[in-house]
Amino acid sequence: SFAYSFHSNSRNVSFTIPSFRDPFYQAFLDGKNYRECCYNCRFACDKRVGDITIGDCANWRAYDLPKERVLSTVAVNTDKGELLWNSIKNDLLFTEADYKQEVILNKQLHAPVKRDKARDDFYRYIANTRLDEMEKVYCIKRNIKNRLVYFFISHTTVGTRDTIKKLLRRG
């Protein structure tokens, strides 16, 4: 889920929209609303040119970290990046990640995303469509089982899930 903040009459109002109900986020996941240059990005590869790469943690279910927080992947690419990381890491809650697995799961770490044929349709559609209509077209339809599984995965640690799996196998 993502929290969106809106300012109204000098008040900050915040509410949460589940990511599966956000048509813009779903289009992003499908590569339908990227900038044109993203489809040919020469930096979308596992050999990074920056000192540090920060992005979404694609493999977040594998780590025993709090699920109520947004998890990011920090890849240290150079000696300078390692110096910077070492200077701040003690102030952060982190675990070592499997970088090879992150590269496999996070498309932009190994290749530019392919341009979806429906990209142009998406931009034409949003120009003339209400948000609730876009949700019907672009958002994931979730039944109660999918919602329960998502809730369970999002609110438990790997250790808790493993324990429950073992209990379920016994029963």
C-alpha atoms as a PDB file:
ATOM      1  CA  SER A   1       0.000   0.000   0.000  1.00  0.00           C
ATOM      2  CA  PHE A   2       1.025   3.554  -0.556  1.00  0.00           C
ATOM      3  CA  ALA A   3       0.123   6.602   1.476  1.00  0.00           C
ATOM      4  CA  TYR A   4      -0.833   9.704  -0.442  1.00  0.00           C
ATOM      5  CA  SER A   5      -0.749  13.115   1.213  1.00  0.00           C
ATOM      6  CA  PHE A   6      -2.960  15.955   0.097  1.00  0.00           C
ATOM      7  CA  HIS A   7      -2.974  19.570   1.224  1.00  0.00           C
ATOM      8  CA  SER A   8      -6.342  21.177   1.728  1.00  0.00           C
ATOM      9  CA  ASN A   9      -6.992  24.521   3.404  1.00  0.00           C
ATOM     10  CA  SER A  10      -3.492  24.493   4.914  1.00  0.00           C
ATOM     11  CA  ARG A  11      -4.145  21.071   6.506  1.00  0.00           C
ATOM     12  CA  ASN A  12      -2.201  17.981   5.662  1.00  0.00           C
ATOM     13  CA  VAL A  13      -4.597  15.080   5.102  1.00  0.00           C
ATOM     14  CA  SER A  14      -3.200  11.595   4.570  1.00  0.00           C
ATOM     15  CA  PHE A  15      -4.915   8.374   3.574  1.00  0.00           C
ATOM     16  CA  THR A  16      -3.844   5.030   2.183  1.00  0.00           C
ATOM     17  CA  ILE A  17      -4.791   3.538  -1.153  1.00  0.00           C
ATOM     18  CA  PRO A  18      -3.909  -0.135  -1.600  1.00  0.00           C
ATOM     19  CA  SER A  19      -1.451  -0.415  -4.482  1.00  0.00           C
ATOM     20  CA  PHE A  20      -3.661  -2.920  -6.296  1.00  0.00           C
ATOM     21  CA  ARG A  21      -6.390  -0.214  -6.526  1.00  0.00           C
ATOM     22  CA  ASP A  22      -4.122   2.486  -7.968  1.00  0.00           C
ATOM     23  CA  PRO A  23      -4.318   2.483 -11.786  1.00  0.00           C
ATOM     24  CA  PHE A  24      -1.204   4.663 -12.160  1.00  0.00           C
ATOM     25  CA  TYR A  25       0.867   2.344  -9.965  1.00  0.00           C
ATOM     26  CA  GLN A  26      -0.430  -0.729 -11.791  1.00  0.00           C
ATOM     27  CA  ALA A  27       0.432   0.911 -15.131  1.00  0.00           C
ATOM     28  CA  PHE A  28       3.910   1.625 -13.757  1.00  0.00           C
ATOM     29  CA  LEU A  29       4.369  -2.026 -12.758  1.00  0.00           C
ATOM     30  CA  ASP A  30       3.366  -3.036 -16.288  1.00  0.00           C
ATOM     31  CA  GLY A  31       5.681  -0.446 -17.905  1.00  0.00           C
ATOM     32  CA  LYS A  32       2.772   1.427 -19.497  1.00  0.00           C
ATOM     33  CA  ASN A  33       3.524   4.915 -18.197  1.00  0.00           C
ATOM     34  CA  TYR A  34       7.309   5.265 -18.313  1.00  0.00           C
ATOM     35  CA  ARG A  35       9.086   8.096 -20.068  1.00  0.00           C
ATOM     36  CA  GLU A  36      10.170   7.099 -23.588  1.00  0.00           C
ATOM     37  CA  CYS A  37      13.863   7.159 -22.639  1.00  0.00           C
ATOM     38  CA  CYS A  38      13.295   4.470 -19.977  1.00  0.00           C
ATOM     39  CA  TYR A  39      12.608   1.875 -22.656  1.00  0.00           C
ATOM     40  CA  ASN A  40      16.146   2.350 -24.031  1.00  0.00           C
ATOM     41  CA  CYS A  41      18.020   3.160 -20.826  1.00  0.00           C
ATOM     42  CA  ARG A  42      21.699   2.235 -21.105  1.00  0.00           C
ATOM     43  CA  PHE A  43      21.996   2.318 -17.296  1.00  0.00           C
ATOM     44  CA  ALA A  44      19.423  -0.426 -16.721  1.00  0.00           C
ATOM     45  CA  CYS A  45      21.938  -3.196 -16.117  1.00  0.00           C
ATOM     46  CA  ASP A  46      23.560  -5.009 -13.202  1.00  0.00           C
ATOM     47  CA  LYS A  47      26.906  -3.230 -13.681  1.00  0.00           C
ATOM     48  CA  ARG A  48      25.962   0.122 -12.159  1.00  0.00           C
ATOM     49  CA  VAL A  49      27.848   3.352 -12.864  1.00  0.00           C
ATOM     50  CA  GLY A  50      26.856   5.203  -9.697  1.00  0.00           C
ATOM     51  CA  ASP A  51      28.545   4.798  -6.335  1.00  0.00           C
ATOM     52  CA  ILE A  52      25.290   3.589  -4.763  1.00  0.00           C
ATOM     53  CA  THR A  53      22.004   2.424  -6.284  1.00  0.00           C
ATOM     54  CA  ILE A  54      18.816   2.807  -4.239  1.00  0.00           C
ATOM     55  CA  GLY A  55      15.525   1.289  -5.327  1.00  0.00           C
ATOM     56  CA  ASP A  56      12.530  -0.790  -4.351  1.00  0.00           C
ATOM     57  CA  CYS A  57      13.322  -4.109  -2.722  1.00  0.00           C
ATOM     58  CA  ALA A  58      11.984  -6.617  -5.236  1.00  0.00           C
ATOM     59  CA  ASN A  59      12.639  -9.589  -2.956  1.00  0.00           C
ATOM     60  CA  TRP A  60      11.187  -8.141   0.272  1.00  0.00           C
ATOM     61  CA  ARG A  61       9.337 -11.324   1.192  1.00  0.00           C
ATOM     62  CA  ALA A  62      12.655 -13.132   1.634  1.00  0.00           C
ATOM     63  CA  TYR A  63      13.945 -10.957   4.459  1.00  0.00           C
ATOM     64  CA  ASP A  64      13.042 -11.019   8.119  1.00  0.00           C
ATOM     65  CA  LEU A  65      12.354  -7.294   8.354  1.00  0.00           C
ATOM     66  CA  PRO A  66       9.256  -5.366   9.478  1.00  0.00           C
ATOM     67  CA  LYS A  67       6.627  -5.536   6.745  1.00  0.00           C
ATOM     68  CA  GLU A  68       4.839  -2.385   7.920  1.00  0.00           C
ATOM     69  CA  ARG A  69       7.755  -0.350   6.564  1.00  0.00           C
ATOM     70  CA  VAL A  70       8.742   0.419   3.010  1.00  0.00           C
ATOM     71  CA  LEU A  71      11.803  -1.671   2.184  1.00  0.00           C
ATOM     72  CA  SER A  72      14.471  -0.516  -0.236  1.00  0.00           C
ATOM     73  CA  THR A  73      17.498  -2.133  -1.770  1.00  0.00           C
ATOM     74  CA  VAL A  74      20.783  -0.297  -1.444  1.00  0.00           C
ATOM     75  CA  ALA A  75      23.492  -1.629  -3.749  1.00  0.00           C
ATOM     76  CA  VAL A  76      27.041  -0.488  -3.060  1.00  0.00           C
ATOM     77  CA  ASN A  77      28.830  -0.312  -6.413  1.00  0.00           C
ATOM     78  CA  THR A  78      32.201   1.371  -5.789  1.00  0.00           C
ATOM     79  CA  ASP A  79      34.804   1.922  -3.084  1.00  0.00           C
ATOM     80  CA  LYS A  80      33.458   5.463  -2.633  1.00  0.00           C
ATOM     81  CA  GLY A  81      29.967   4.012  -2.235  1.00  0.00           C
ATOM     82  CA  GLU A  82      31.258   1.585   0.385  1.00  0.00           C
ATOM     83  CA  LEU A  83      32.795   4.445   2.384  1.00  0.00           C
ATOM     84  CA  LEU A  84      29.467   6.296   2.298  1.00  0.00           C
ATOM     85  CA  TRP A  85      27.494   3.168   3.243  1.00  0.00           C
ATOM     86  CA  ASN A  86      29.828   2.377   6.143  1.00  0.00           C
ATOM     87  CA  SER A  87      29.391   5.919   7.456  1.00  0.00           C
ATOM     88  CA  ILE A  88      25.580   5.610   7.712  1.00  0.00           C
ATOM     89  CA  LYS A  89      24.699   1.926   8.042  1.00  0.00           C
ATOM     90  CA  ASN A  90      24.768   1.882  11.854  1.00  0.00           C
ATOM     91  CA  ASP A  91      21.848   4.348  11.841  1.00  0.00           C
ATOM     92  CA  LEU A  92      19.702   2.045   9.689  1.00  0.00           C
ATOM     93  CA  LEU A  93      17.780  -1.183  10.146  1.00  0.00           C
ATOM     94  CA  PHE A  94      19.067  -3.460   7.399  1.00  0.00           C
ATOM     95  CA  THR A  95      19.971  -6.983   6.431  1.00  0.00           C
ATOM     96  CA  GLU A  96      22.325  -8.210   3.747  1.00  0.00           C
ATOM     97  CA  ALA A  97      20.428  -8.993   0.586  1.00  0.00           C
ATOM     98  CA  ASP A  98      21.044 -11.519  -2.144  1.00  0.00           C
ATOM     99  CA  TYR A  99      22.053  -9.113  -4.925  1.00  0.00           C
ATOM    100  CA  LYS A 100      21.877 -11.787  -7.637  1.00  0.00           C
ATOM    101  CA  GLN A 101      18.264 -12.486  -6.651  1.00  0.00           C
ATOM    102  CA  GLU A 102      17.476  -8.744  -6.614  1.00  0.00           C
ATOM    103  CA  VAL A 103      18.902  -8.423 -10.146  1.00  0.00           C
ATOM    104  CA  ILE A 104      16.725 -11.313 -11.337  1.00  0.00           C
ATOM    105  CA  LEU A 105      13.537  -9.927  -9.746  1.00  0.00           C
ATOM    106  CA  ASN A 106      14.076  -6.216 -10.459  1.00  0.00           C
ATOM    107  CA  LYS A 107      13.919  -5.750 -14.223  1.00  0.00           C
ATOM    108  CA  GLN A 108      15.743  -2.417 -14.262  1.00  0.00           C
ATOM    109  CA  LEU A 109      18.802  -4.013 -12.660  1.00  0.00           C
ATOM    110  CA  HIS A 110      19.385  -6.218 -15.692  1.00  0.00           C
ATOM    111  CA  ALA A 111      17.729  -4.617 -18.741  1.00  0.00           C
ATOM    112  CA  PRO A 112      15.479  -1.738 -19.751  1.00  0.00           C
ATOM    113  CA  VAL A 113      11.806  -2.565 -19.582  1.00  0.00           C
ATOM    114  CA  LYS A 114      10.226  -3.415 -22.929  1.00  0.00           C
ATOM    115  CA  ARG A 115       7.898  -0.769 -24.311  1.00  0.00           C
ATOM    116  CA  ASP A 116       4.362  -2.042 -23.938  1.00  0.00           C
ATOM    117  CA  LYS A 117       2.245  -1.730 -27.071  1.00  0.00           C
ATOM    118  CA  ALA A 118      -0.560  -0.394 -24.861  1.00  0.00           C
ATOM    119  CA  ARG A 119       1.540   2.562 -23.594  1.00  0.00           C
ATOM    120  CA  ASP A 120       0.033   5.042 -26.058  1.00  0.00           C
ATOM    121  CA  ASP A 121      -3.446   3.721 -25.296  1.00  0.00           C
ATOM    122  CA  PHE A 122      -2.852   4.344 -21.582  1.00  0.00           C
ATOM    123  CA  TYR A 123      -2.049   8.030 -22.135  1.00  0.00           C
ATOM    124  CA  ARG A 124      -4.993   8.511 -24.511  1.00  0.00           C
ATOM    125  CA  TYR A 125      -7.261   6.754 -22.018  1.00  0.00           C
ATOM    126  CA  ILE A 126      -6.289   8.833 -18.976  1.00  0.00           C
ATOM    127  CA  ALA A 127      -6.925  12.074 -20.846  1.00  0.00           C
ATOM    128  CA  ASN A 128     -10.629  11.262 -21.128  1.00  0.00           C
ATOM    129  CA  THR A 129     -11.434   8.873 -18.287  1.00  0.00           C
ATOM    130  CA  ARG A 130     -12.458   9.217 -14.649  1.00  0.00           C
ATOM    131  CA  LEU A 131     -10.332   7.544 -12.000  1.00  0.00           C
ATOM    132  CA  ASP A 132     -12.999   4.978 -11.053  1.00  0.00           C
ATOM    133  CA  GLU A 133     -13.251   3.892 -14.710  1.00  0.00           C
ATOM    134  CA  MET A 134      -9.468   3.593 -14.963  1.00  0.00           C
ATOM    135  CA  GLU A 135      -9.466   1.411 -11.861  1.00  0.00           C
ATOM    136  CA  LYS A 136     -11.838  -1.031 -13.579  1.00  0.00           C
ATOM    137  CA  VAL A 137      -9.526  -1.339 -16.586  1.00  0.00           C
ATOM    138  CA  TYR A 138      -6.038  -1.216 -15.066  1.00  0.00           C
ATOM    139  CA  CYS A 139      -6.318  -2.580 -11.534  1.00  0.00           C
ATOM    140  CA  ILE A 140      -6.001  -6.107 -10.273  1.00  0.00           C
ATOM    141  CA  LYS A 141      -9.251  -7.809  -9.379  1.00  0.00           C
ATOM    142  CA  ARG A 142      -8.750  -9.464  -5.994  1.00  0.00           C
ATOM    143  CA  ASN A 143     -10.989 -12.068  -4.466  1.00  0.00           C
ATOM    144  CA  ILE A 144     -11.097 -12.674  -0.709  1.00  0.00           C
ATOM    145  CA  LYS A 145      -8.420 -15.402  -0.881  1.00  0.00           C
ATOM    146  CA  ASN A 146      -5.985 -13.076  -2.694  1.00  0.00           C
ATOM    147  CA  ARG A 147      -6.650 -10.303  -0.184  1.00  0.00           C
ATOM    148  CA  LEU A 148      -6.038 -12.620   2.789  1.00  0.00           C
ATOM    149  CA  VAL A 149      -2.813 -13.998   1.307  1.00  0.00           C
ATOM    150  CA  TYR A 150      -1.573 -10.468   0.539  1.00  0.00           C
ATOM    151  CA  PHE A 151      -2.456  -9.295   4.065  1.00  0.00           C
ATOM    152  CA  PHE A 152      -0.723 -12.300   5.611  1.00  0.00           C
ATOM    153  CA  ILE A 153       2.461 -11.850   3.562  1.00  0.00           C
ATOM    154  CA  SER A 154       2.536  -8.099   4.147  1.00  0.00           C
ATOM    155  CA  HIS A 155       2.110  -8.288   7.916  1.00  0.00           C
ATOM    156  CA  THR A 156       4.299 -11.193   8.972  1.00  0.00           C
ATOM    157  CA  THR A 157       7.985 -12.005   9.003  1.00  0.00           C
ATOM    158  CA  VAL A 158       9.633 -14.841   7.117  1.00  0.00           C
ATOM    159  CA  GLY A 159      10.115 -16.726  10.403  1.00  0.00           C
ATOM    160  CA  THR A 160       6.429 -16.449  11.294  1.00  0.00           C
ATOM    161  CA  ARG A 161       5.368 -17.621   7.833  1.00  0.00           C
ATOM    162  CA  ASP A 162       7.737 -20.603   7.996  1.00  0.00           C
ATOM    163  CA  THR A 163       6.359 -21.586  11.416  1.00  0.00           C
ATOM    164  CA  ILE A 164       2.773 -21.400  10.185  1.00  0.00           C
ATOM    165  CA  LYS A 165       3.625 -23.437   7.065  1.00  0.00           C
ATOM    166  CA  LYS A 166       5.132 -26.168   9.259  1.00  0.00           C
ATOM    167  CA  LEU A 167       2.039 -26.196  11.485  1.00  0.00           C
ATOM    168  CA  LEU A 168      -0.255 -26.421   8.475  1.00  0.00           C
ATOM    169  CA  ARG A 169       1.720 -29.359   7.036  1.00  0.00           C
ATOM    170  CA  ARG A 170       1.344 -31.274  10.319  1.00  0.00           C
ATOM    171  CA  GLY A 171      -2.401 -30.710  10.497  1.00  0.00           C
END
